[in-house]
Amino acid sequence: MNQAENEYLAHRKFAIQRARSVVVKVGTRVLTTPSGKLDRDRIEKLSAQLCRIADTGRQTVMVSSGAVGAGVGKLGLSSRPKVVSQLQAVAAIGQTDLIQAYEASIAARGRHAAQVLLTASDLRRRSAYLHVRNALSRIHEYGAIAVVNENDSVAVRELTTTFGDNDRLAARVAGLLTDTLLIILSDIDGLYDGPPNDPSSKRIELVPRIDESILSLAKDKVSHVSKGGMTSKLEAAKIAASHGHTAIIAPGHDDAVLDKIFACEDVGTLFLPTEKTIKGRRRWIGGSAKVEGVLHLDAGAAKAVWENGKSLLPVGVKSVKGTFKRGAVVALHDPQGNEIARGLCNYRSSELEKILGKPSDQIGELIGHCPYENVIHRDNLVLTRNGEFA
């Protein structure tokens, strides 16, 4: 075994050893048969492996697609509906089959499946974000396995544009937990250096950092039942890495894939966490919170925030977009219109309109009070690049 292989094995072992929580995401292509029906044998095999993970004491969460796909198969439809109301109905019909299949398989091994349905807004509000995290912790304490899915039957916007799909939902859920290993089960074996169906393409075993060269390798396939693809899986792995979590994209059709991962076998593609990670409230600000406005900065302010890690002062704000209250999360854009950061704003939008471009010592005179010298303190700022952690 050469040095590179030793290093790769060491990373895998470390990822398994440090994982206190495990989030497994499985997609529609893996969970349904070619005819579109729910693959109950697949759920049985996955459930058995999830229970074995939970038996090690790790908090175990399954983020499962398949509600719409199960509904399509159950109703005998030839394709996935395109009308939102039809999608909602099909998801609701399919969701019952999906959770019943998990419950039957997990209960046979002495545990229970806990259904958790989320929408994007559930993670955007700080209070709801904490409630979801606490609920997942209580589910774990009761010895159950949370089965999370996007609430397709009510989330109209999510049905058409989604969190990005359940890949990114899984990354956000992983971000709620501590020392998490995110496993994304795919219909291919991992990330390849070329088209997966090309015999000359090779599976990439280890990705130390997800950059543009890695993202460019994504080759999405079009499916009538699934909205995901390698691009969204890489973006999910990138989100997880920014939280300090390891991610693995692995073959979902391997009947023992989770067992192999926890045996440190060479399965899938391993993505390492970034050296600089986002924790706690700043993770919520940069990753899950709803952005309620945009502040356009001049070049000096953009440089101070992006390069020097400074707080944002009113003198550097050129314009304000949106109507928001004090404490709202806003995006900061540089003069070229690129998002460079997000943060908690100390002033409501109507106050900002009066003090933008002005020195801090004029705030009290312009709006009658001066609770803060800065618009956003650096402790409440998170650097981003086009909506993702920088």
Protein backbone atom coordinates (compact mmCIF):
# COMPACT_ATOMS: atom_id res chain seq x y z
CA MET A 1 0.00 0.00 0.00
CA ASN A 2 1.53 3.31 -1.10
CA GLN A 3 1.48 6.62 0.80
CA ALA A 4 -1.60 7.95 -1.03
CA GLU A 5 -3.57 4.79 -0.23
CA ASN A 6 -2.50 4.98 3.41
CA GLU A 7 -3.59 8.61 3.61
CA TYR A 8 -6.94 7.81 2.01
CA LEU A 9 -7.58 4.93 4.43
CA ALA A 10 -6.59 7.11 7.37
CA HIS A 11 -9.12 9.77 6.33
CA ARG A 12 -11.86 7.14 6.06
CA LYS A 13 -11.08 5.67 9.46
CA PHE A 14 -10.99 9.11 11.07
CA ALA A 15 -14.34 10.08 9.50
CA ILE A 16 -15.97 6.94 10.91
CA GLN A 17 -14.36 7.23 14.33
CA ARG A 18 -15.29 10.88 14.88
CA ALA A 19 -18.88 10.58 13.60
CA ARG A 20 -21.32 11.09 16.45
CA SER A 21 -24.17 11.60 13.99
CA VAL A 22 -24.89 10.03 10.61
CA VAL A 23 -27.21 11.50 7.99
CA VAL A 24 -27.98 9.20 5.06
CA LYS A 25 -29.70 10.62 2.00
CA VAL A 26 -31.33 8.31 -0.52
CA GLY A 27 -32.90 9.46 -3.77
CA THR A 28 -35.84 8.47 -5.90
CA ARG A 29 -33.71 6.58 -8.44
CA VAL A 30 -32.39 4.30 -5.71
CA LEU A 31 -35.71 3.80 -3.90
CA THR A 32 -37.94 3.02 -6.87
CA THR A 33 -38.01 0.25 -9.44
CA PRO A 34 -37.68 1.02 -13.16
CA SER A 35 -41.49 1.02 -13.36
CA GLY A 36 -41.66 3.77 -10.73
CA LYS A 37 -42.97 1.67 -7.84
CA LEU A 38 -41.47 1.81 -4.38
CA ASP A 39 -38.68 -0.76 -3.97
CA ARG A 40 -39.57 -2.27 -0.59
CA ASP A 41 -36.66 -4.70 -0.68
CA ARG A 42 -34.29 -1.73 -0.99
CA ILE A 43 -35.91 -0.02 2.00
CA GLU A 44 -35.65 -3.27 3.97
CA LYS A 45 -31.92 -3.55 3.33
CA LEU A 46 -31.25 0.12 4.06
CA SER A 47 -33.33 0.02 7.25
CA ALA A 48 -31.36 -2.96 8.57
CA GLN A 49 -28.11 -1.08 8.02
CA LEU A 50 -29.48 2.12 9.58
CA CYS A 51 -30.40 0.15 12.69
CA ARG A 52 -26.90 -1.29 12.87
CA ILE A 53 -25.49 2.25 12.75
CA ALA A 54 -27.93 3.38 15.46
CA ASP A 55 -26.90 0.40 17.59
CA THR A 56 -23.41 1.96 17.84
CA GLY A 57 -24.95 4.89 19.73
CA ARG A 58 -24.73 7.34 16.85
CA GLN A 59 -27.65 9.66 16.12
CA THR A 60 -29.00 8.28 12.84
CA VAL A 61 -31.14 10.22 10.38
CA MET A 62 -32.44 9.13 6.99
CA VAL A 63 -33.30 11.88 4.49
CA SER A 64 -35.46 10.07 2.02
CA SER A 65 -36.84 11.02 -1.35
CA GLY A 66 -39.40 8.79 -2.95
CA ALA A 67 -42.81 10.21 -1.97
CA VAL A 68 -43.65 11.46 -5.45
CA GLY A 69 -42.03 8.43 -7.08
CA ALA A 70 -43.98 6.08 -4.81
CA GLY A 71 -47.19 7.93 -5.63
CA VAL A 72 -46.51 7.74 -9.35
CA GLY A 73 -46.08 3.98 -9.09
CA LYS A 74 -49.02 3.49 -6.74
CA LEU A 75 -51.38 5.37 -9.05
CA GLY A 76 -50.01 3.73 -12.19
CA LEU A 77 -49.05 7.05 -13.79
CA SER A 78 -46.79 6.99 -16.82
CA SER A 79 -44.75 10.01 -15.77
CA ARG A 80 -44.23 12.54 -13.01
CA PRO A 81 -46.99 15.22 -13.08
CA LYS A 82 -46.01 18.79 -13.88
CA VAL A 83 -48.99 20.62 -12.37
CA VAL A 84 -48.25 21.62 -8.77
CA SER A 85 -51.60 20.52 -7.35
CA GLN A 86 -51.16 17.10 -8.96
CA LEU A 87 -47.64 16.83 -7.55
CA GLN A 88 -48.96 17.67 -4.09
CA ALA A 89 -51.61 14.97 -4.30
CA VAL A 90 -49.23 12.35 -5.67
CA ALA A 91 -46.69 13.16 -2.93
CA ALA A 92 -49.33 12.83 -0.21
CA ILE A 93 -50.49 9.47 -1.60
CA GLY A 94 -46.94 8.19 -1.96
CA GLN A 95 -45.77 9.46 1.44
CA THR A 96 -47.98 6.98 3.30
CA ASP A 97 -46.40 4.03 1.49
CA LEU A 98 -42.92 5.44 2.05
CA ILE A 99 -43.14 5.92 5.82
CA GLN A 100 -45.06 2.64 6.33
CA ALA A 101 -42.27 0.78 4.55
CA TYR A 102 -39.62 2.36 6.78
CA GLU A 103 -41.63 1.78 9.96
CA ALA A 104 -42.24 -1.89 9.17
CA SER A 105 -38.57 -2.54 8.45
CA ILE A 106 -37.16 -0.51 11.35
CA ALA A 107 -39.74 -1.75 13.90
CA ALA A 108 -38.80 -5.35 13.09
CA ARG A 109 -35.40 -4.51 14.59
CA GLY A 110 -36.68 -2.97 17.80
CA ARG A 111 -36.76 0.68 16.82
CA HIS A 112 -39.29 3.06 15.29
CA ALA A 113 -39.29 5.37 12.28
CA ALA A 114 -40.10 8.98 13.18
CA GLN A 115 -41.52 10.93 10.24
CA VAL A 116 -40.20 14.49 10.00
CA LEU A 117 -41.56 16.66 7.17
CA LEU A 118 -39.75 19.94 6.53
CA THR A 119 -40.06 22.95 4.27
CA ALA A 120 -37.38 25.53 3.57
CA SER A 121 -39.01 28.02 5.96
CA ASP A 122 -38.59 25.56 8.84
CA LEU A 123 -34.85 26.18 8.75
CA ARG A 124 -34.91 29.88 7.88
CA ARG A 125 -36.31 31.18 11.16
CA ARG A 126 -33.84 30.87 14.01
CA SER A 127 -36.47 29.64 16.51
CA ALA A 128 -37.78 26.98 14.10
CA TYR A 129 -34.21 25.97 13.23
CA LEU A 130 -33.56 25.26 16.90
CA HIS A 131 -36.89 23.47 17.32
CA VAL A 132 -36.05 21.09 14.46
CA ARG A 133 -32.63 20.38 15.95
CA ASN A 134 -34.14 19.73 19.39
CA ALA A 135 -36.83 17.46 17.92
CA LEU A 136 -34.21 15.37 16.13
CA SER A 137 -32.27 15.05 19.39
CA ARG A 138 -35.36 13.86 21.27
CA ILE A 139 -36.15 11.32 18.54
CA HIS A 140 -32.64 9.94 18.99
CA GLU A 141 -33.06 9.79 22.77
CA TYR A 142 -36.21 7.70 22.32
CA GLY A 143 -34.20 5.21 20.27
CA ALA A 144 -36.01 6.03 17.02
CA ILE A 145 -34.61 6.84 13.59
CA ALA A 146 -35.79 10.09 12.02
CA VAL A 147 -36.96 9.74 8.43
CA VAL A 148 -36.85 13.26 6.99
CA ASN A 149 -38.41 14.41 3.76
CA GLU A 150 -39.35 17.68 2.17
CA ASN A 151 -43.02 18.35 2.88
CA ASP A 152 -44.00 18.01 -0.77
CA SER A 153 -47.74 17.93 -0.09
CA VAL A 154 -47.78 21.54 1.18
CA ALA A 155 -44.51 23.10 0.03
CA VAL A 156 -45.61 24.50 -3.32
CA ARG A 157 -42.40 26.37 -4.04
CA GLU A 158 -40.27 23.46 -2.92
CA LEU A 159 -42.06 21.08 -5.28
CA THR A 160 -40.93 23.12 -8.27
CA THR A 161 -37.60 24.58 -7.15
CA THR A 162 -36.96 22.67 -3.89
CA PHE A 163 -34.18 23.23 -1.35
CA GLY A 164 -32.21 22.38 -4.41
CA ASP A 165 -33.72 18.94 -3.76
CA ASN A 166 -33.22 16.49 -0.92
CA ASP A 167 -29.45 16.45 -1.40
CA ARG A 168 -29.15 19.98 -0.08
CA LEU A 169 -31.88 19.31 2.49
CA ALA A 170 -29.69 16.47 3.81
CA ALA A 171 -26.71 18.84 4.03
CA ARG A 172 -28.79 21.36 5.99
CA VAL A 173 -30.00 18.63 8.33
CA ALA A 174 -26.40 17.47 8.81
CA GLY A 175 -25.57 21.05 9.73
CA LEU A 176 -28.00 20.85 12.65
CA LEU A 177 -26.04 18.02 14.24
CA THR A 178 -22.58 17.52 15.76
CA ASP A 179 -19.62 15.71 14.17
CA THR A 180 -21.77 14.41 11.34
CA LEU A 181 -20.96 12.02 8.54
CA LEU A 182 -23.17 12.79 5.53
CA ILE A 183 -23.69 9.82 3.20
CA ILE A 184 -25.42 10.53 -0.12
CA LEU A 185 -26.54 7.35 -1.86
CA SER A 186 -26.52 7.73 -5.63
CA ASP A 187 -27.36 5.60 -8.65
CA ILE A 188 -23.67 5.74 -9.63
CA ASP A 189 -20.64 4.62 -7.62
CA GLY A 190 -19.32 8.08 -6.80
CA LEU A 191 -17.68 11.02 -8.56
CA TYR A 192 -15.82 10.13 -11.75
CA ASP A 193 -13.16 12.05 -13.66
CA GLY A 194 -15.27 11.68 -16.81
CA PRO A 195 -18.70 10.41 -17.87
CA PRO A 196 -19.54 7.50 -15.51
CA ASN A 197 -20.59 5.27 -18.42
CA ASP A 198 -17.27 5.79 -20.21
CA PRO A 199 -14.98 2.75 -19.59
CA SER A 200 -11.97 5.05 -19.49
CA SER A 201 -13.41 7.14 -16.63
CA LYS A 202 -12.12 6.44 -13.13
CA ARG A 203 -13.82 6.89 -9.78
CA ILE A 204 -12.24 9.58 -7.64
CA GLU A 205 -11.61 8.14 -4.17
CA LEU A 206 -10.77 11.31 -2.24
CA VAL A 207 -11.64 14.99 -2.72
CA PRO A 208 -9.74 17.23 -0.27
CA ARG A 209 -11.52 20.38 -1.47
CA ILE A 210 -14.54 21.04 -3.66
CA ASP A 211 -13.58 23.77 -6.13
CA GLU A 212 -14.62 24.67 -9.67
CA SER A 213 -12.52 21.88 -11.14
CA ILE A 214 -14.47 19.33 -9.09
CA LEU A 215 -17.85 20.93 -9.74
CA SER A 216 -17.15 20.85 -13.48
CA LEU A 217 -17.04 17.04 -13.36
CA ALA A 218 -20.76 16.80 -12.57
CA LYS A 219 -22.78 15.17 -15.32
CA ASP A 220 -26.48 15.26 -14.57
CA LYS A 221 -28.91 12.76 -16.04
CA VAL A 222 -32.51 13.55 -16.90
CA SER A 223 -35.19 11.45 -15.24
CA HIS A 224 -38.96 11.57 -15.20
CA VAL A 225 -39.09 10.75 -11.47
CA SER A 226 -36.06 12.43 -9.93
CA LYS A 227 -34.91 16.05 -9.80
CA GLY A 228 -31.44 15.41 -8.42
CA GLY A 229 -28.08 14.97 -10.12
CA MET A 230 -24.38 14.97 -9.40
CA THR A 231 -24.29 18.77 -9.35
CA SER A 232 -26.64 18.95 -6.38
CA LYS A 233 -24.78 16.14 -4.63
CA LEU A 234 -21.49 18.01 -4.94
CA GLU A 235 -23.13 21.19 -3.68
CA ALA A 236 -24.52 19.25 -0.72
CA ALA A 237 -21.08 17.83 0.03
CA LYS A 238 -19.67 21.36 -0.15
CA ILE A 239 -22.25 22.64 2.34
CA ALA A 240 -21.45 19.75 4.69
CA ALA A 241 -17.72 20.40 4.35
CA SER A 242 -18.23 24.06 5.29
CA HIS A 243 -19.92 22.86 8.49
CA GLY A 244 -16.88 20.75 9.32
CA HIS A 245 -18.49 17.47 8.29
CA THR A 246 -17.16 14.68 6.08
CA ALA A 247 -19.34 13.56 3.17
CA ILE A 248 -19.41 10.41 1.06
CA ILE A 249 -21.21 9.91 -2.26
CA ALA A 250 -21.72 6.17 -2.53
CA PRO A 251 -23.56 3.56 -4.67
CA GLY A 252 -27.14 3.25 -3.42
CA HIS A 253 -27.80 0.04 -5.32
CA ASP A 254 -25.10 -1.82 -3.39
CA ASP A 255 -27.10 -3.93 -0.94
CA ALA A 256 -24.45 -3.54 1.79
CA VAL A 257 -23.24 -0.02 1.06
CA LEU A 258 -23.63 1.39 4.58
CA ASP A 259 -22.07 -1.67 6.19
CA LYS A 260 -19.12 -1.37 3.82
CA ILE A 261 -18.67 2.33 4.61
CA PHE A 262 -18.55 1.63 8.35
CA ALA A 263 -16.12 -1.22 7.73
CA CYS A 264 -13.85 1.43 6.09
CA GLU A 265 -14.02 -0.29 2.71
CA ASP A 266 -13.16 1.62 -0.47
CA VAL A 267 -16.69 2.66 -1.41
CA GLY A 268 -17.74 5.83 -3.21
CA THR A 269 -16.01 9.21 -3.06
CA LEU A 270 -14.89 10.76 0.24
CA PHE A 271 -15.07 14.56 0.64
CA LEU A 272 -13.04 16.13 3.44
CA PRO A 273 -14.28 19.02 5.58
CA THR A 274 -12.78 22.44 5.06
CA GLU A 275 -10.13 23.64 7.49
CA LYS A 276 -12.15 26.75 8.26
CA THR A 277 -15.67 25.83 9.33
CA ILE A 278 -18.83 27.70 10.28
CA LYS A 279 -20.37 26.99 13.68
CA GLY A 280 -23.49 27.83 15.68
CA ARG A 281 -25.44 30.99 14.89
CA ARG A 282 -23.13 31.99 12.05
CA ARG A 283 -23.89 28.65 10.37
CA TRP A 284 -27.59 29.51 10.49
CA ILE A 285 -26.96 33.05 9.19
CA GLY A 286 -24.95 31.89 6.21
CA GLY A 287 -26.74 28.65 5.39
CA SER A 288 -30.37 28.44 6.44
CA ALA A 289 -31.78 31.84 7.37
CA LYS A 290 -34.12 33.66 5.02
CA VAL A 291 -32.44 36.64 3.37
CA GLU A 292 -34.81 39.60 3.76
CA GLY A 293 -32.87 42.35 2.04
CA VAL A 294 -29.75 43.35 0.12
CA LEU A 295 -27.18 46.03 0.96
CA HIS A 296 -25.11 47.28 -1.97
CA LEU A 297 -21.62 48.31 -0.86
CA ASP A 298 -18.96 50.56 -2.30
CA ALA A 299 -15.55 49.11 -3.16
CA GLY A 300 -13.95 50.17 0.10
CA ALA A 301 -16.60 48.56 2.27
CA ALA A 302 -16.60 45.38 0.18
CA LYS A 303 -12.83 45.08 0.62
CA ALA A 304 -13.05 45.77 4.35
CA VAL A 305 -15.63 43.02 4.81
CA TRP A 306 -14.28 40.45 2.35
CA GLU A 307 -10.51 40.81 2.75
CA ASN A 308 -10.06 42.32 6.20
CA GLY A 309 -12.92 40.80 8.21
CA LYS A 310 -14.21 44.19 9.34
CA SER A 311 -17.67 45.19 10.54
CA LEU A 312 -19.89 47.01 8.04
CA LEU A 313 -20.25 50.74 8.67
CA PRO A 314 -23.05 52.91 7.23
CA VAL A 315 -20.58 55.01 5.26
CA GLY A 316 -19.89 52.04 2.98
CA VAL A 317 -23.51 51.29 2.11
CA LYS A 318 -24.62 52.74 -1.24
CA SER A 319 -28.22 51.48 -1.41
CA VAL A 320 -30.76 49.27 0.36
CA LYS A 321 -33.12 46.79 -1.29
CA GLY A 322 -36.08 45.30 0.53
CA THR A 323 -38.11 46.11 3.62
CA PHE A 324 -36.97 44.45 6.82
CA LYS A 325 -36.86 44.81 10.58
CA ARG A 326 -33.92 45.21 12.94
CA GLY A 327 -32.15 41.85 13.35
CA ALA A 328 -33.02 40.58 9.86
CA VAL A 329 -30.52 38.61 7.81
CA VAL A 330 -29.38 40.60 4.77
CA ALA A 331 -27.01 39.89 1.91
CA LEU A 332 -24.08 42.17 1.10
CA HIS A 333 -23.25 42.78 -2.56
CA ASP A 334 -20.05 44.26 -3.96
CA PRO A 335 -20.08 46.94 -6.71
CA GLN A 336 -20.24 44.19 -9.37
CA GLY A 337 -23.42 42.76 -7.86
CA ASN A 338 -21.78 39.64 -6.38
CA GLU A 339 -22.89 38.44 -2.98
CA ILE A 340 -19.91 38.47 -0.63
CA ALA A 341 -21.48 38.07 2.83
CA ARG A 342 -24.62 37.74 4.92
CA GLY A 343 -25.25 39.14 8.36
CA LEU A 344 -27.66 40.30 11.05
CA CYS A 345 -28.54 43.93 10.43
CA ASN A 346 -28.58 46.29 13.43
CA TYR A 347 -31.02 48.71 11.78
CA ARG A 348 -34.35 48.36 10.01
CA SER A 349 -34.45 49.25 6.33
CA SER A 350 -36.18 52.61 6.85
CA GLU A 351 -33.40 53.70 9.23
CA LEU A 352 -30.69 52.50 6.86
CA GLU A 353 -32.10 54.63 4.07
CA LYS A 354 -31.40 57.69 6.24
CA ILE A 355 -27.86 56.81 7.36
CA LEU A 356 -26.38 55.08 4.30
CA GLY A 357 -23.21 56.73 3.09
CA LYS A 358 -22.87 58.68 6.35
CA PRO A 359 -20.17 58.50 9.05
CA SER A 360 -21.15 56.61 12.20
CA ASP A 361 -20.95 59.76 14.37
CA GLN A 362 -23.96 61.18 12.47
CA ILE A 363 -26.31 58.22 13.16
CA GLY A 364 -27.84 59.71 16.32
CA GLU A 365 -28.47 63.05 14.65
CA LEU A 366 -30.10 61.47 11.58
CA ILE A 367 -32.45 58.94 13.21
CA GLY A 368 -32.65 60.15 16.83
CA HIS A 369 -30.67 57.33 18.43
CA CYS A 370 -27.44 55.41 17.92
CA PRO A 371 -27.56 51.91 19.45
CA TYR A 372 -24.72 50.70 17.20
CA GLU A 373 -21.85 52.34 15.34
CA ASN A 374 -21.92 49.60 12.72
CA VAL A 375 -24.66 48.31 10.45
CA ILE A 376 -23.50 44.70 10.91
CA HIS A 377 -20.93 43.64 13.48
CA ARG A 378 -18.22 41.31 12.22
CA ASP A 379 -19.28 38.64 14.77
CA ASN A 380 -22.63 38.48 12.97
CA LEU A 381 -21.14 38.38 9.46
CA VAL A 382 -20.53 35.28 7.37
CA LEU A 383 -18.56 35.46 4.13
CA THR A 384 -20.35 33.87 1.21
CA ARG A 385 -19.89 33.48 -2.50
CA ASN A 386 -23.12 33.55 -4.51
CA GLY A 387 -25.17 32.09 -1.68
CA GLU A 388 -22.68 29.48 -0.43
CA PHE A 389 -20.11 29.66 2.37
CA ALA A 390 -16.86 31.14 1.15
